[in-house]
Amino acid sequence: KLLFIEDVAAKPYQVDRMLRQMLLAGKFDGVTGLIFGEMLECTSPGTSADLVDEVILRVFDWFEGPIAIGLRSGHVSHGNVTLPLGIEAELSLEEEPVLRYLEPAVQV
């Protein structure tokens, strides 16, 4: 089970709080891979845009599956990727993160 999370204009401490609340609520039980969106404008004054990535990796330092950050889906700067829901997929972190769909997303 892969989980996609994205937000826009949330401060890093807010992202930390959101993820920890989800963790306490058991929302990551059974999740085998995490995919985060671009997380546009998720900064605080005087901080680097990389801080939210650091927050994500710190919150999930216990997680044994792959974690990909920066997928252009949802609120994005350009080139929005459509994510089909409910299909078989796999996430691998070889040289770059790769999301593979293992079945068709639509049938006609």
N, C-alpha and C. Protein backbone atom coordinates (compact mmCIF):
# COMPACT_ATOMS: atom_id res chain seq x y z
N LYS A 1 0.85 -1.18 0.00
CA LYS A 1 0.00 0.00 0.00
C LYS A 1 0.89 1.23 0.00
N LEU A 2 0.77 2.05 -1.05
CA LEU A 2 1.51 3.30 -1.16
C LEU A 2 0.60 4.44 -0.73
N LEU A 3 1.18 5.41 -0.04
CA LEU A 3 0.41 6.56 0.43
C LEU A 3 1.02 7.83 -0.15
N PHE A 4 0.18 8.65 -0.79
CA PHE A 4 0.61 9.93 -1.35
C PHE A 4 0.13 11.05 -0.44
N ILE A 5 1.04 11.95 -0.09
CA ILE A 5 0.71 13.10 0.77
C ILE A 5 1.29 14.34 0.12
N GLU A 6 0.50 15.41 0.10
CA GLU A 6 1.02 16.68 -0.38
C GLU A 6 0.31 17.81 0.33
N ASP A 7 0.96 18.96 0.35
CA ASP A 7 0.37 20.14 0.96
C ASP A 7 0.95 21.35 0.25
N VAL A 8 0.39 22.50 0.53
CA VAL A 8 0.90 23.73 -0.05
C VAL A 8 0.85 24.82 1.02
N ALA A 9 1.92 25.59 1.10
CA ALA A 9 2.02 26.75 2.00
C ALA A 9 1.88 26.40 3.48
N ALA A 10 2.23 25.18 3.86
CA ALA A 10 2.25 24.82 5.28
C ALA A 10 3.67 25.02 5.79
N LYS A 11 3.79 25.56 6.97
CA LYS A 11 5.11 25.74 7.57
C LYS A 11 5.65 24.37 7.99
N PRO A 12 6.97 24.21 8.02
CA PRO A 12 7.54 22.91 8.39
C PRO A 12 7.01 22.37 9.72
N TYR A 13 6.81 23.23 10.73
CA TYR A 13 6.30 22.73 12.01
C TYR A 13 4.87 22.22 11.85
N GLN A 14 4.10 22.80 10.92
CA GLN A 14 2.74 22.33 10.68
C GLN A 14 2.76 20.97 9.98
N VAL A 15 3.69 20.78 9.06
CA VAL A 15 3.83 19.49 8.39
C VAL A 15 4.22 18.44 9.43
N ASP A 16 5.15 18.78 10.31
CA ASP A 16 5.57 17.87 11.38
C ASP A 16 4.36 17.46 12.23
N ARG A 17 3.58 18.43 12.65
CA ARG A 17 2.41 18.16 13.49
C ARG A 17 1.39 17.29 12.75
N MET A 18 1.13 17.60 11.48
CA MET A 18 0.16 16.83 10.69
C MET A 18 0.60 15.37 10.59
N LEU A 19 1.87 15.16 10.25
CA LEU A 19 2.37 13.80 10.08
C LEU A 19 2.35 13.03 11.40
N ARG A 20 2.70 13.69 12.49
CA ARG A 20 2.70 13.01 13.79
C ARG A 20 1.28 12.67 14.25
N GLN A 21 0.31 13.55 13.95
CA GLN A 21 -1.08 13.24 14.27
C GLN A 21 -1.57 12.05 13.45
N MET A 22 -1.20 12.00 12.19
CA MET A 22 -1.57 10.86 11.34
C MET A 22 -0.92 9.58 11.86
N LEU A 23 0.32 9.69 12.30
CA LEU A 23 1.03 8.54 12.86
C LEU A 23 0.32 8.01 14.10
N LEU A 24 -0.03 8.92 15.01
CA LEU A 24 -0.73 8.51 16.24
C LEU A 24 -2.11 7.92 15.94
N ALA A 25 -2.73 8.36 14.85
CA ALA A 25 -4.05 7.85 14.47
C ALA A 25 -3.97 6.53 13.71
N GLY A 26 -2.75 6.03 13.49
CA GLY A 26 -2.59 4.75 12.82
C GLY A 26 -2.74 4.80 11.31
N LYS A 27 -2.65 5.98 10.73
CA LYS A 27 -2.86 6.13 9.28
C LYS A 27 -1.75 5.51 8.44
N PHE A 28 -0.61 5.18 9.05
CA PHE A 28 0.49 4.59 8.30
C PHE A 28 0.60 3.09 8.51
N ASP A 29 -0.33 2.53 9.27
CA ASP A 29 -0.33 1.08 9.47
C ASP A 29 -0.54 0.38 8.13
N GLY A 30 0.31 -0.55 7.80
CA GLY A 30 0.18 -1.29 6.56
C GLY A 30 0.74 -0.60 5.34
N VAL A 31 1.23 0.62 5.49
CA VAL A 31 1.80 1.36 4.36
C VAL A 31 3.19 0.80 4.07
N THR A 32 3.46 0.54 2.79
CA THR A 32 4.76 -0.02 2.41
C THR A 32 5.65 0.98 1.69
N GLY A 33 5.09 2.10 1.27
CA GLY A 33 5.88 3.14 0.61
C GLY A 33 5.19 4.48 0.74
N LEU A 34 5.98 5.55 0.87
CA LEU A 34 5.45 6.90 1.03
C LEU A 34 5.90 7.76 -0.14
N ILE A 35 4.95 8.52 -0.68
CA ILE A 35 5.25 9.44 -1.77
C ILE A 35 4.74 10.82 -1.34
N PHE A 36 5.63 11.79 -1.37
CA PHE A 36 5.26 13.16 -1.02
C PHE A 36 5.31 14.02 -2.27
N GLY A 37 4.38 14.97 -2.34
CA GLY A 37 4.35 15.90 -3.47
C GLY A 37 5.46 16.93 -3.36
N GLU A 38 5.35 17.96 -4.19
CA GLU A 38 6.37 19.02 -4.20
C GLU A 38 6.40 19.82 -2.90
N MET A 39 5.29 19.84 -2.19
CA MET A 39 5.20 20.59 -0.93
C MET A 39 5.57 22.07 -1.18
N LEU A 40 4.90 22.67 -2.16
CA LEU A 40 5.19 24.04 -2.56
C LEU A 40 5.00 25.03 -1.42
N GLU A 41 5.93 25.95 -1.31
CA GLU A 41 5.87 27.04 -0.34
C GLU A 41 5.77 26.55 1.09
N CYS A 42 6.24 25.36 1.37
CA CYS A 42 6.23 24.83 2.74
C CYS A 42 7.52 25.23 3.45
N THR A 43 7.63 26.52 3.70
CA THR A 43 8.81 27.07 4.34
C THR A 43 8.39 28.06 5.42
N SER A 44 9.33 28.42 6.25
CA SER A 44 9.15 29.50 7.22
C SER A 44 10.14 30.59 6.84
N PRO A 45 9.87 31.84 7.23
CA PRO A 45 10.82 32.90 6.91
C PRO A 45 12.22 32.56 7.43
N GLY A 46 13.20 32.73 6.57
CA GLY A 46 14.58 32.49 6.97
C GLY A 46 15.01 31.04 6.95
N THR A 47 14.17 30.14 6.42
CA THR A 47 14.55 28.72 6.37
C THR A 47 14.67 28.26 4.93
N SER A 48 15.37 27.20 4.76
CA SER A 48 15.57 26.61 3.43
C SER A 48 14.35 25.80 3.02
N ALA A 49 14.13 25.69 1.71
CA ALA A 49 13.03 24.86 1.21
C ALA A 49 13.27 23.39 1.54
N ASP A 50 14.52 23.03 1.81
CA ASP A 50 14.84 21.64 2.16
C ASP A 50 14.40 21.26 3.57
N LEU A 51 14.03 22.25 4.40
CA LEU A 51 13.66 21.96 5.78
C LEU A 51 12.47 21.01 5.86
N VAL A 52 11.48 21.19 5.01
CA VAL A 52 10.31 20.30 5.06
C VAL A 52 10.72 18.87 4.70
N ASP A 53 11.68 18.70 3.80
CA ASP A 53 12.19 17.35 3.48
C ASP A 53 12.84 16.74 4.71
N GLU A 54 13.60 17.56 5.44
CA GLU A 54 14.26 17.09 6.67
C GLU A 54 13.22 16.68 7.71
N VAL A 55 12.14 17.46 7.82
CA VAL A 55 11.05 17.14 8.76
C VAL A 55 10.45 15.79 8.39
N ILE A 56 10.15 15.59 7.12
CA ILE A 56 9.56 14.33 6.67
C ILE A 56 10.47 13.16 7.02
N LEU A 57 11.74 13.27 6.70
CA LEU A 57 12.68 12.18 6.97
C LEU A 57 12.87 11.94 8.46
N ARG A 58 12.79 12.98 9.27
CA ARG A 58 12.91 12.82 10.73
C ARG A 58 11.67 12.11 11.30
N VAL A 59 10.49 12.52 10.86
CA VAL A 59 9.26 11.88 11.35
C VAL A 59 9.24 10.41 10.97
N PHE A 60 9.78 10.07 9.80
CA PHE A 60 9.73 8.69 9.32
C PHE A 60 11.08 7.98 9.42
N ASP A 61 11.89 8.36 10.41
CA ASP A 61 13.19 7.69 10.57
C ASP A 61 13.03 6.22 10.92
N TRP A 62 11.87 5.80 11.36
CA TRP A 62 11.57 4.42 11.73
C TRP A 62 11.07 3.61 10.54
N PHE A 63 10.66 4.29 9.47
CA PHE A 63 9.98 3.65 8.34
C PHE A 63 10.98 2.86 7.50
N GLU A 64 10.65 1.62 7.19
CA GLU A 64 11.58 0.75 6.46
C GLU A 64 11.34 0.72 4.96
N GLY A 65 10.22 1.24 4.50
CA GLY A 65 9.92 1.24 3.07
C GLY A 65 10.51 2.45 2.37
N PRO A 66 10.34 2.52 1.05
CA PRO A 66 10.86 3.65 0.30
C PRO A 66 10.07 4.93 0.58
N ILE A 67 10.78 6.05 0.58
CA ILE A 67 10.17 7.37 0.75
C ILE A 67 10.64 8.23 -0.41
N ALA A 68 9.70 8.70 -1.22
CA ALA A 68 10.02 9.58 -2.35
C ALA A 68 9.43 10.95 -2.06
N ILE A 69 10.20 11.99 -2.29
CA ILE A 69 9.75 13.36 -2.03
C ILE A 69 9.88 14.17 -3.31
N GLY A 70 8.81 14.90 -3.66
CA GLY A 70 8.87 15.81 -4.79
C GLY A 70 8.09 15.39 -6.02
N LEU A 71 7.16 14.43 -5.90
CA LEU A 71 6.35 14.04 -7.05
C LEU A 71 5.46 15.21 -7.45
N ARG A 72 5.43 15.51 -8.73
CA ARG A 72 4.62 16.62 -9.23
C ARG A 72 3.17 16.18 -9.42
N SER A 73 2.46 16.09 -8.33
CA SER A 73 1.04 15.75 -8.39
C SER A 73 0.32 16.56 -7.33
N GLY A 74 -0.89 16.99 -7.63
CA GLY A 74 -1.62 17.82 -6.68
C GLY A 74 -1.30 19.29 -6.94
N HIS A 75 -0.91 20.01 -5.89
CA HIS A 75 -0.50 21.41 -6.03
C HIS A 75 0.94 21.42 -6.53
N VAL A 76 1.14 21.77 -7.78
CA VAL A 76 2.47 21.68 -8.37
C VAL A 76 2.84 22.96 -9.10
N SER A 77 4.13 23.11 -9.36
CA SER A 77 4.62 24.28 -10.09
C SER A 77 4.40 24.13 -11.59
N HIS A 78 4.45 22.90 -12.10
CA HIS A 78 4.24 22.63 -13.53
C HIS A 78 4.14 21.13 -13.75
N GLY A 79 3.54 20.74 -14.86
CA GLY A 79 3.51 19.33 -15.26
C GLY A 79 2.87 18.39 -14.26
N ASN A 80 1.60 18.58 -13.97
CA ASN A 80 0.90 17.78 -12.96
C ASN A 80 0.76 16.32 -13.41
N VAL A 81 1.23 15.40 -12.58
CA VAL A 81 1.14 13.97 -12.83
C VAL A 81 -0.17 13.45 -12.22
N THR A 82 -0.97 12.76 -13.01
CA THR A 82 -2.20 12.16 -12.51
C THR A 82 -1.88 10.86 -11.80
N LEU A 83 -2.37 10.71 -10.59
CA LEU A 83 -2.17 9.49 -9.83
C LEU A 83 -3.45 8.68 -9.79
N PRO A 84 -3.48 7.52 -10.41
CA PRO A 84 -4.66 6.67 -10.31
C PRO A 84 -4.75 6.10 -8.90
N LEU A 85 -5.95 5.99 -8.39
CA LEU A 85 -6.16 5.45 -7.04
C LEU A 85 -6.68 4.03 -7.12
N GLY A 86 -6.24 3.21 -6.18
CA GLY A 86 -6.79 1.87 -6.05
C GLY A 86 -6.22 0.82 -6.99
N ILE A 87 -5.12 1.12 -7.66
CA ILE A 87 -4.52 0.11 -8.54
C ILE A 87 -3.23 -0.41 -7.91
N GLU A 88 -2.77 -1.55 -8.40
CA GLU A 88 -1.50 -2.11 -7.95
C GLU A 88 -0.36 -1.27 -8.51
N ALA A 89 0.57 -0.90 -7.63
CA ALA A 89 1.73 -0.11 -8.04
C ALA A 89 2.89 -0.46 -7.14
N GLU A 90 4.09 -0.09 -7.58
CA GLU A 90 5.27 -0.29 -6.73
C GLU A 90 6.15 0.94 -6.82
N LEU A 91 6.83 1.22 -5.72
CA LEU A 91 7.75 2.34 -5.63
C LEU A 91 9.13 1.80 -5.35
N SER A 92 10.09 2.18 -6.18
CA SER A 92 11.46 1.75 -5.93
C SER A 92 12.37 2.98 -5.96
N LEU A 93 13.43 2.90 -5.20
CA LEU A 93 14.39 4.00 -5.13
C LEU A 93 15.73 3.49 -5.65
N GLU A 94 15.78 3.25 -6.93
CA GLU A 94 17.03 2.79 -7.53
C GLU A 94 17.96 3.99 -7.63
N GLU A 95 18.25 4.46 -8.82
CA GLU A 95 19.04 5.68 -8.97
C GLU A 95 18.17 6.90 -8.69
N GLU A 96 16.93 6.84 -9.14
CA GLU A 96 15.94 7.87 -8.89
C GLU A 96 14.66 7.17 -8.47
N PRO A 97 13.78 7.87 -7.74
CA PRO A 97 12.50 7.23 -7.39
C PRO A 97 11.72 6.87 -8.65
N VAL A 98 11.18 5.65 -8.68
CA VAL A 98 10.39 5.19 -9.82
C VAL A 98 9.08 4.63 -9.29
N LEU A 99 7.97 5.16 -9.80
CA LEU A 99 6.64 4.66 -9.46
C LEU A 99 6.14 3.90 -10.68
N ARG A 100 5.90 2.60 -10.51
CA ARG A 100 5.43 1.75 -11.62
C ARG A 100 3.99 1.32 -11.35
N TYR A 101 3.15 1.51 -12.35
CA TYR A 101 1.79 1.01 -12.27
C TYR A 101 1.80 -0.43 -12.77
N LEU A 102 1.26 -1.35 -11.99
CA LEU A 102 1.30 -2.76 -12.33
C LEU A 102 0.02 -3.26 -12.98
N GLU A 103 -0.93 -2.36 -13.17
CA GLU A 103 -2.18 -2.70 -13.86
C GLU A 103 -2.73 -1.44 -14.50
N PRO A 104 -3.64 -1.58 -15.45
CA PRO A 104 -4.19 -0.39 -16.10
C PRO A 104 -4.94 0.50 -15.11
N ALA A 105 -4.84 1.80 -15.33
CA ALA A 105 -5.53 2.75 -14.46
C ALA A 105 -6.99 2.92 -14.88
N VAL A 106 -7.28 2.69 -16.16
CA VAL A 106 -8.66 2.81 -16.65
C VAL A 106 -8.95 1.65 -17.60
N GLN A 107 -10.21 1.34 -17.72
CA GLN A 107 -10.65 0.34 -18.69
C GLN A 107 -11.82 0.92 -19.46
N VAL A 108 -11.82 0.68 -20.78
CA VAL A 108 -12.90 1.22 -21.62
C VAL A 108 -13.62 0.10 -22.31
